[in-house]
Amino acid sequence: MQNKYTVLERLGGGGQAEVFRGMSESLQGYKKAVAIKRVLPHLSNNERFVAMFLDEARLSLFLQHANVVQVFAVSKADDGSYFLVMEFVDGCDLKELVAYHRAHRASDIGLALHIMIEAAKGLHYAHTLEHPYTGKPLHIVHRDVSPPNIMLSKNGEVKVVDFGLAKAQSQLENTDEGVVKGKFSYLSPEAASGHDVDARADVFALGIITWELLANRRLFAADDPYATVQLVREARIPSLPAISPNVSPDLDAIVRKALARDPKVRFPTMAEYGDALADFMFSNEAKATARDLAAAVREVKIARERAANPKESLVHALVVDELARMMSMIEDEVIAKPAELTPAKELVDTTDWTKNLLDD
């Protein structure tokens, strides 16, 4: 049964596709918020690119896990452009959360490790997924694990998105030999050298993100892409305790193992890396939960909304501050003169005042 999709706003895009927030409506009138990823029109006539896009769609439809953004459908618009209909994550990505924290608050080790553990769950699921019909392992590798591809919801969920560079044996389109794919700063040394990769390349990428969250700085970043790739190939990892004294040598050793230049020395699976981080959290009482993440994401959303509507946000802040001041005065009155409470009917009614201020 065909659903109707309505585009509400553009969320972002790159050189190959753009993403929109939209609404899916069934014939029964049921509506659901979705994200719509559309191939740019000028690429719809490129047979090779369309084949790769459809490979992504076929692969993504297999993925159903709490820590992976679900793809509901692949379709073709009237103008001939292809698009994916995906789960809409109401929140922010890890890149936006990191930028906010760097500007407004100190890094939180517990929260950082919680996000990494949840992302590791989603990636391990993809790495070990079997074909639903044949039962054979798909050997999926994400190949583009980076902060923008780790989504965080306002309810405290962590979801890996965009398996667009993922490679599985079931795919029709093969990557050209020696071609480097993925964001340069989050490549593994073997990927940066154009060699074949497996799940351990994703372990390295998640290790980079973990290191950056703990150090509060970039690991592999240079003035140009080629220099960045060279840094990745060399894989020289600075000591975390030397940069952030609150990071223990034990945690540094775990992250350093994920960032081993030789894949054979790394954690062999994403599950083992996630378990090592979880064991550290348990042993060191570094507690963080989905509730903590939800609070952090909501901070980011509020800051984003204020930046988009500075006048409205200022008025809202003034209203909240004034109401808080008045409530504080009433509480002080109750404490100071319990026998002389103002009758309820005589309390100040702020409804009209608030409305007038908002109207202004």
Protein backbone atom coordinates (compact mmCIF):
# COMPACT_ATOMS: atom_id res chain seq x y z
CA MET A 1 0.00 0.00 0.00
CA GLN A 2 1.59 3.29 -1.14
CA ASN A 3 2.08 6.03 1.43
CA LYS A 4 1.98 9.73 0.69
CA TYR A 5 5.02 11.76 1.71
CA THR A 6 4.98 15.48 2.46
CA VAL A 7 8.22 17.46 2.74
CA LEU A 8 8.21 19.93 5.65
CA GLU A 9 11.73 21.35 5.80
CA ARG A 10 15.25 20.77 4.54
CA LEU A 11 17.61 19.45 7.21
CA GLY A 12 20.85 19.42 5.24
CA GLY A 13 22.71 17.84 2.38
CA GLY A 14 25.94 17.31 0.51
CA GLY A 15 27.18 16.83 -3.00
CA GLN A 16 25.18 13.68 -3.64
CA ALA A 17 21.98 13.81 -1.63
CA GLU A 18 19.89 16.04 0.60
CA VAL A 19 17.79 15.21 3.65
CA PHE A 20 14.37 16.60 4.58
CA ARG A 21 12.04 16.30 7.53
CA GLY A 22 8.74 15.03 6.24
CA MET A 23 5.44 13.39 7.05
CA SER A 24 4.30 9.97 5.92
CA GLU A 25 0.55 9.54 5.59
CA SER A 26 -1.16 6.22 4.87
CA LEU A 27 -4.50 5.78 3.13
CA GLN A 28 -6.08 5.33 6.56
CA GLY A 29 -4.92 8.82 7.54
CA TYR A 30 -2.19 7.64 9.90
CA LYS A 31 0.68 10.16 10.02
CA LYS A 32 4.28 9.59 11.03
CA ALA A 33 7.31 11.90 11.11
CA VAL A 34 10.05 10.67 8.77
CA ALA A 35 13.35 11.74 7.29
CA ILE A 36 13.55 11.71 3.48
CA LYS A 37 16.94 11.32 1.80
CA ARG A 38 16.77 12.29 -1.86
CA VAL A 39 19.40 11.80 -4.54
CA LEU A 40 20.15 15.16 -6.16
CA PRO A 41 18.35 15.45 -9.52
CA HIS A 42 21.50 15.76 -11.64
CA LEU A 43 22.70 12.36 -10.35
CA SER A 44 19.48 10.51 -11.10
CA ASN A 45 20.67 10.01 -14.68
CA ASN A 46 24.01 8.59 -13.54
CA GLU A 47 23.44 4.84 -13.79
CA ARG A 48 26.47 3.94 -11.69
CA PHE A 49 25.51 6.28 -8.87
CA VAL A 50 21.87 5.14 -8.93
CA ALA A 51 23.04 1.54 -8.71
CA MET A 52 25.13 2.39 -5.64
CA PHE A 53 22.23 4.28 -4.08
CA LEU A 54 19.92 1.29 -4.60
CA ASP A 55 22.56 -0.95 -3.05
CA GLU A 56 22.41 1.26 0.05
CA ALA A 57 18.63 1.02 0.05
CA ARG A 58 18.60 -2.78 -0.19
CA LEU A 59 21.18 -3.05 2.55
CA SER A 60 19.51 -0.53 4.85
CA LEU A 61 16.14 -2.26 4.64
CA PHE A 62 17.72 -5.28 6.35
CA LEU A 63 18.82 -3.25 9.37
CA GLN A 64 16.39 -3.24 12.30
CA HIS A 65 17.97 -2.44 15.65
CA ALA A 66 17.35 0.05 18.46
CA ASN A 67 20.76 1.66 17.82
CA VAL A 68 20.43 1.95 14.03
CA VAL A 69 18.24 4.45 12.18
CA GLN A 70 15.64 2.35 10.39
CA VAL A 71 14.91 2.73 6.68
CA PHE A 72 11.23 2.17 5.89
CA ALA A 73 11.11 2.38 2.11
CA VAL A 74 12.90 3.28 -1.10
CA SER A 75 10.93 5.02 -3.80
CA LYS A 76 11.08 7.13 -6.95
CA ALA A 77 9.51 10.56 -7.31
CA ASP A 78 7.53 11.77 -10.32
CA ASP A 79 10.56 13.76 -11.51
CA GLY A 80 12.63 10.56 -11.65
CA SER A 81 14.72 11.20 -8.51
CA TYR A 82 15.18 8.40 -5.99
CA PHE A 83 14.70 8.77 -2.26
CA LEU A 84 14.85 6.81 0.99
CA VAL A 85 12.23 7.17 3.72
CA MET A 86 13.87 6.80 7.12
CA GLU A 87 13.13 7.03 10.81
CA PHE A 88 13.19 10.66 11.97
CA VAL A 89 15.39 11.22 15.02
CA ASP A 90 14.23 14.29 16.93
CA GLY A 91 17.39 15.59 18.55
CA CYS A 92 20.88 16.28 17.24
CA ASP A 93 23.92 14.46 15.97
CA LEU A 94 27.07 13.88 18.00
CA LYS A 95 28.94 16.59 16.11
CA GLU A 96 26.45 19.22 17.27
CA LEU A 97 26.51 17.94 20.86
CA VAL A 98 30.32 18.06 20.93
CA ALA A 99 30.35 21.62 19.55
CA TYR A 100 27.86 22.73 22.21
CA HIS A 101 29.79 21.10 25.06
CA ARG A 102 33.08 22.62 23.93
CA ALA A 103 31.48 26.06 24.06
CA HIS A 104 29.37 25.71 27.22
CA ARG A 105 30.52 22.96 29.56
CA ALA A 106 33.30 20.56 30.50
CA SER A 107 33.39 17.11 28.92
CA ASP A 108 31.58 14.34 30.79
CA ILE A 109 33.48 11.03 30.69
CA GLY A 110 30.49 8.96 31.76
CA LEU A 111 28.22 10.48 29.12
CA ALA A 112 30.88 10.11 26.42
CA LEU A 113 31.39 6.41 27.19
CA HIS A 114 27.64 5.78 27.36
CA ILE A 115 27.22 7.18 23.83
CA MET A 116 30.13 5.08 22.55
CA ILE A 117 28.77 1.88 24.11
CA GLU A 118 25.36 2.40 22.55
CA ALA A 119 26.86 3.17 19.13
CA ALA A 120 29.00 0.05 19.43
CA LYS A 121 25.85 -2.03 19.93
CA GLY A 122 24.33 -0.79 16.69
CA LEU A 123 27.53 -1.30 14.73
CA HIS A 124 28.12 -4.80 16.11
CA TYR A 125 24.58 -5.72 15.08
CA ALA A 126 25.31 -4.59 11.51
CA HIS A 127 28.69 -6.34 11.46
CA THR A 128 27.14 -9.68 12.43
CA LEU A 129 23.90 -9.42 10.45
CA GLU A 130 22.88 -12.39 8.34
CA HIS A 131 20.87 -12.33 5.14
CA PRO A 132 17.19 -12.80 6.15
CA TYR A 133 16.58 -15.35 3.35
CA THR A 134 19.85 -17.26 2.97
CA GLY A 135 21.14 -16.99 6.54
CA LYS A 136 24.63 -16.19 5.24
CA PRO A 137 26.67 -13.44 6.95
CA LEU A 138 26.47 -10.11 5.11
CA HIS A 139 29.86 -8.89 6.42
CA ILE A 140 28.65 -5.30 6.58
CA VAL A 141 31.19 -2.58 7.32
CA HIS A 142 29.85 0.95 7.83
CA ARG A 143 33.06 2.64 6.54
CA ASP A 144 31.88 6.13 7.51
CA VAL A 145 31.59 6.08 11.32
CA SER A 146 31.89 9.75 12.29
CA PRO A 147 30.16 12.22 14.67
CA PRO A 148 27.56 13.41 12.10
CA ASN A 149 26.49 9.80 11.58
CA ILE A 150 25.74 9.16 15.26
CA MET A 151 22.29 10.54 16.00
CA LEU A 152 21.10 11.38 19.53
CA SER A 153 17.41 11.74 20.33
CA LYS A 154 15.75 13.97 22.89
CA ASN A 155 14.65 10.75 24.63
CA GLY A 156 18.26 9.66 25.15
CA GLU A 157 18.58 7.20 22.26
CA VAL A 158 21.79 6.66 20.28
CA LYS A 159 21.37 5.63 16.64
CA VAL A 160 23.92 5.05 13.90
CA VAL A 161 22.80 6.41 10.54
CA ASP A 162 23.84 6.43 6.89
CA PHE A 163 25.29 3.13 5.80
CA GLY A 164 25.78 4.78 2.41
CA LEU A 165 29.40 3.63 2.16
CA ALA A 166 28.70 0.27 3.74
CA LYS A 167 29.98 -2.71 1.85
CA ALA A 168 28.35 -6.13 1.94
CA GLN A 169 28.81 -9.22 -0.16
CA SER A 170 25.22 -8.90 -1.35
CA GLN A 171 25.86 -5.54 -3.01
CA LEU A 172 25.75 -5.27 -6.76
CA GLU A 173 28.16 -2.36 -7.04
CA ASN A 174 31.76 -2.99 -5.97
CA THR A 175 34.15 -0.32 -4.75
CA ASP A 176 36.99 0.33 -7.17
CA GLU A 177 40.24 -1.15 -5.95
CA GLY A 178 42.43 1.36 -4.13
CA VAL A 179 39.71 4.02 -3.83
CA VAL A 180 39.60 5.78 -0.45
CA LYS A 181 36.07 6.26 0.85
CA GLY A 182 34.77 7.86 4.03
CA LYS A 183 35.54 11.07 5.91
CA PHE A 184 39.32 11.47 5.96
CA SER A 185 39.64 12.24 9.69
CA TYR A 186 37.80 9.05 10.66
CA LEU A 187 39.41 6.54 8.30
CA SER A 188 41.36 3.55 9.54
CA PRO A 189 45.02 3.23 8.44
CA GLU A 190 44.16 0.34 6.12
CA ALA A 191 41.28 2.29 4.54
CA ALA A 192 43.52 5.36 4.15
CA SER A 193 45.96 3.15 2.26
CA GLY A 194 43.26 1.80 -0.04
CA HIS A 195 43.35 -1.73 1.38
CA ASP A 196 40.41 -4.02 2.05
CA VAL A 197 38.63 -3.34 5.34
CA ASP A 198 36.50 -5.31 7.77
CA ALA A 199 34.65 -4.57 11.01
CA ARG A 200 37.91 -3.58 12.69
CA ALA A 201 38.00 -0.44 10.52
CA ASP A 202 34.78 0.68 12.23
CA VAL A 203 36.35 -0.16 15.62
CA PHE A 204 39.21 2.20 14.76
CA ALA A 205 36.78 4.95 13.69
CA LEU A 206 34.78 4.65 16.91
CA GLY A 207 38.09 4.70 18.79
CA ILE A 208 38.91 8.03 17.12
CA ILE A 209 35.58 9.47 18.24
CA THR A 210 36.09 8.15 21.79
CA TRP A 211 39.56 9.70 21.94
CA GLU A 212 38.22 13.05 20.73
CA LEU A 213 35.38 13.07 23.26
CA LEU A 214 37.84 12.42 26.10
CA ALA A 215 40.56 14.79 24.88
CA ASN A 216 38.10 17.49 23.81
CA ARG A 217 40.08 18.01 20.59
CA ARG A 218 40.53 16.45 17.15
CA LEU A 219 42.87 13.50 16.69
CA PHE A 220 43.63 13.47 12.95
CA ALA A 221 43.19 16.92 11.42
CA ALA A 222 45.49 18.79 9.05
CA ASP A 223 45.26 21.70 6.64
CA ASP A 224 44.41 19.55 3.62
CA PRO A 225 42.91 16.09 3.01
CA TYR A 226 46.19 14.53 1.87
CA ALA A 227 48.00 15.58 5.06
CA THR A 228 45.09 14.25 7.13
CA VAL A 229 45.27 10.90 5.37
CA GLN A 230 49.00 10.78 6.11
CA LEU A 231 48.30 11.31 9.81
CA VAL A 232 45.78 8.47 9.76
CA ARG A 233 48.24 6.13 8.03
CA GLU A 234 50.86 6.84 10.68
CA ALA A 235 48.29 6.44 13.50
CA ARG A 236 50.37 8.11 16.20
CA ILE A 237 48.09 8.41 19.22
CA PRO A 238 48.93 11.02 21.91
CA SER A 239 48.48 10.02 25.55
CA LEU A 240 45.03 10.89 26.84
CA PRO A 241 46.13 11.39 30.49
CA ALA A 242 48.76 13.89 29.29
CA ILE A 243 46.02 15.93 27.60
CA SER A 244 43.17 15.33 30.05
CA PRO A 245 44.43 14.41 33.54
CA ASN A 246 40.95 13.17 34.51
CA VAL A 247 41.32 10.30 32.01
CA SER A 248 42.89 7.33 33.76
CA PRO A 249 45.67 5.16 32.27
CA ASP A 250 43.26 2.21 32.26
CA LEU A 251 40.79 4.03 30.04
CA ASP A 252 43.63 5.29 27.87
CA ALA A 253 44.78 1.68 27.35
CA ILE A 254 41.30 0.63 26.19
CA VAL A 255 41.03 3.45 23.66
CA ARG A 256 44.61 2.92 22.53
CA LYS A 257 43.83 -0.73 21.78
CA ALA A 258 40.91 0.31 19.58
CA LEU A 259 43.32 2.68 17.80
CA ALA A 260 46.08 0.17 17.15
CA ARG A 261 47.61 0.74 13.73
CA ASP A 262 47.68 -3.00 13.07
CA PRO A 263 44.10 -4.37 12.82
CA LYS A 264 45.27 -7.64 14.38
CA VAL A 265 46.10 -5.81 17.62
CA ARG A 266 42.73 -4.03 17.88
CA PHE A 267 39.59 -5.33 19.50
CA PRO A 268 38.46 -8.01 17.02
CA THR A 269 34.79 -7.05 17.34
CA MET A 270 32.81 -3.94 18.17
CA ALA A 271 31.08 -5.87 20.96
CA GLU A 272 34.40 -6.46 22.72
CA TYR A 273 35.28 -2.78 22.49
CA GLY A 274 31.88 -1.80 23.89
CA ASP A 275 32.21 -4.38 26.68
CA ALA A 276 35.65 -3.03 27.65
CA LEU A 277 34.23 0.49 27.94
CA ALA A 278 31.26 -0.79 29.94
CA ASP A 279 33.53 -2.74 32.32
CA PHE A 280 35.57 0.42 32.90
CA MET A 281 32.43 2.43 33.68
CA PHE A 282 31.22 -0.20 36.13
CA SER A 283 34.59 -0.52 37.88
CA ASN A 284 35.04 3.24 38.18
CA GLU A 285 31.43 4.17 38.95
CA ALA A 286 31.29 6.43 35.89
CA LYS A 287 27.51 6.34 35.77
CA ALA A 288 25.58 7.78 32.83
CA THR A 289 22.20 6.79 31.46
CA ALA A 290 19.80 7.59 28.65
CA ARG A 291 18.24 10.13 31.00
CA ASP A 292 21.51 12.06 31.21
CA LEU A 293 21.85 11.99 27.44
CA ALA A 294 18.27 13.18 26.98
CA ALA A 295 18.98 16.20 29.20
CA ALA A 296 22.14 17.02 27.23
CA VAL A 297 20.34 16.77 23.87
CA ARG A 298 17.51 18.99 25.07
CA GLU A 299 20.07 21.63 26.05
CA VAL A 300 21.38 21.57 22.50
CA LYS A 301 17.89 21.80 21.01
CA ILE A 302 17.00 24.78 23.22
CA ALA A 303 20.24 26.54 22.27
CA ARG A 304 19.53 25.88 18.58
CA GLU A 305 16.00 27.26 18.87
CA ARG A 306 17.24 30.36 20.68
CA ALA A 307 19.82 30.97 17.98
CA ALA A 308 17.13 30.67 15.31
CA ASN A 309 14.64 32.95 17.13
CA PRO A 310 16.65 35.27 19.41
CA LYS A 311 13.80 37.73 20.10
CA GLU A 312 11.26 35.04 20.97
CA SER A 313 13.80 33.20 23.10
CA LEU A 314 14.69 36.37 25.03
CA VAL A 315 11.02 37.04 25.81
CA HIS A 316 10.53 33.45 26.93
CA ALA A 317 13.58 33.67 29.17
CA LEU A 318 12.31 36.94 30.72
CA VAL A 319 8.92 35.37 31.42
CA VAL A 320 10.48 32.30 33.04
CA ASP A 321 12.85 34.43 35.15
CA GLU A 322 10.05 36.75 36.32
CA LEU A 323 7.78 33.86 37.25
CA ALA A 324 10.64 32.21 39.13
CA ARG A 325 11.32 35.49 40.99
CA MET A 326 7.67 35.86 41.97
CA MET A 327 7.44 32.25 43.15
CA SER A 328 10.56 32.78 45.23
CA MET A 329 9.00 35.88 46.84
CA ILE A 330 5.85 33.92 47.67
CA GLU A 331 7.88 31.09 49.19
CA ASP A 332 9.87 33.57 51.29
CA GLU A 333 6.59 35.08 52.51
CA VAL A 334 5.30 31.65 53.49
CA ILE A 335 8.46 30.87 55.46
CA ALA A 336 8.69 34.27 57.15
CA LYS A 337 5.01 34.69 58.08
CA PRO A 338 3.24 31.32 58.13
CA ALA A 339 0.32 32.73 60.12
CA GLU A 340 -0.21 35.68 57.77
CA LEU A 341 -0.55 33.93 54.44
CA THR A 342 -2.18 35.89 51.65
CA PRO A 343 -5.55 34.34 50.75
CA ALA A 344 -5.38 32.33 47.56
CA LYS A 345 -7.89 34.59 45.80
CA GLU A 346 -5.58 37.57 46.37
CA LEU A 347 -2.46 36.01 44.83
CA VAL A 348 -1.18 37.83 41.78
CA ASP A 349 -2.66 36.50 38.58
CA THR A 350 0.17 36.53 36.04
CA THR A 351 -1.83 35.19 33.12
CA ASP A 352 -2.72 38.55 31.51
CA TRP A 353 0.70 40.01 32.25
CA THR A 354 2.46 37.08 30.61
CA LYS A 355 0.19 37.26 27.60
CA ASN A 356 0.77 40.99 27.19
CA LEU A 357 4.54 40.56 27.36
CA LEU A 358 4.47 37.81 24.78
CA ASP A 359 2.25 39.94 22.56
CA ASP A 360 4.79 42.76 22.74
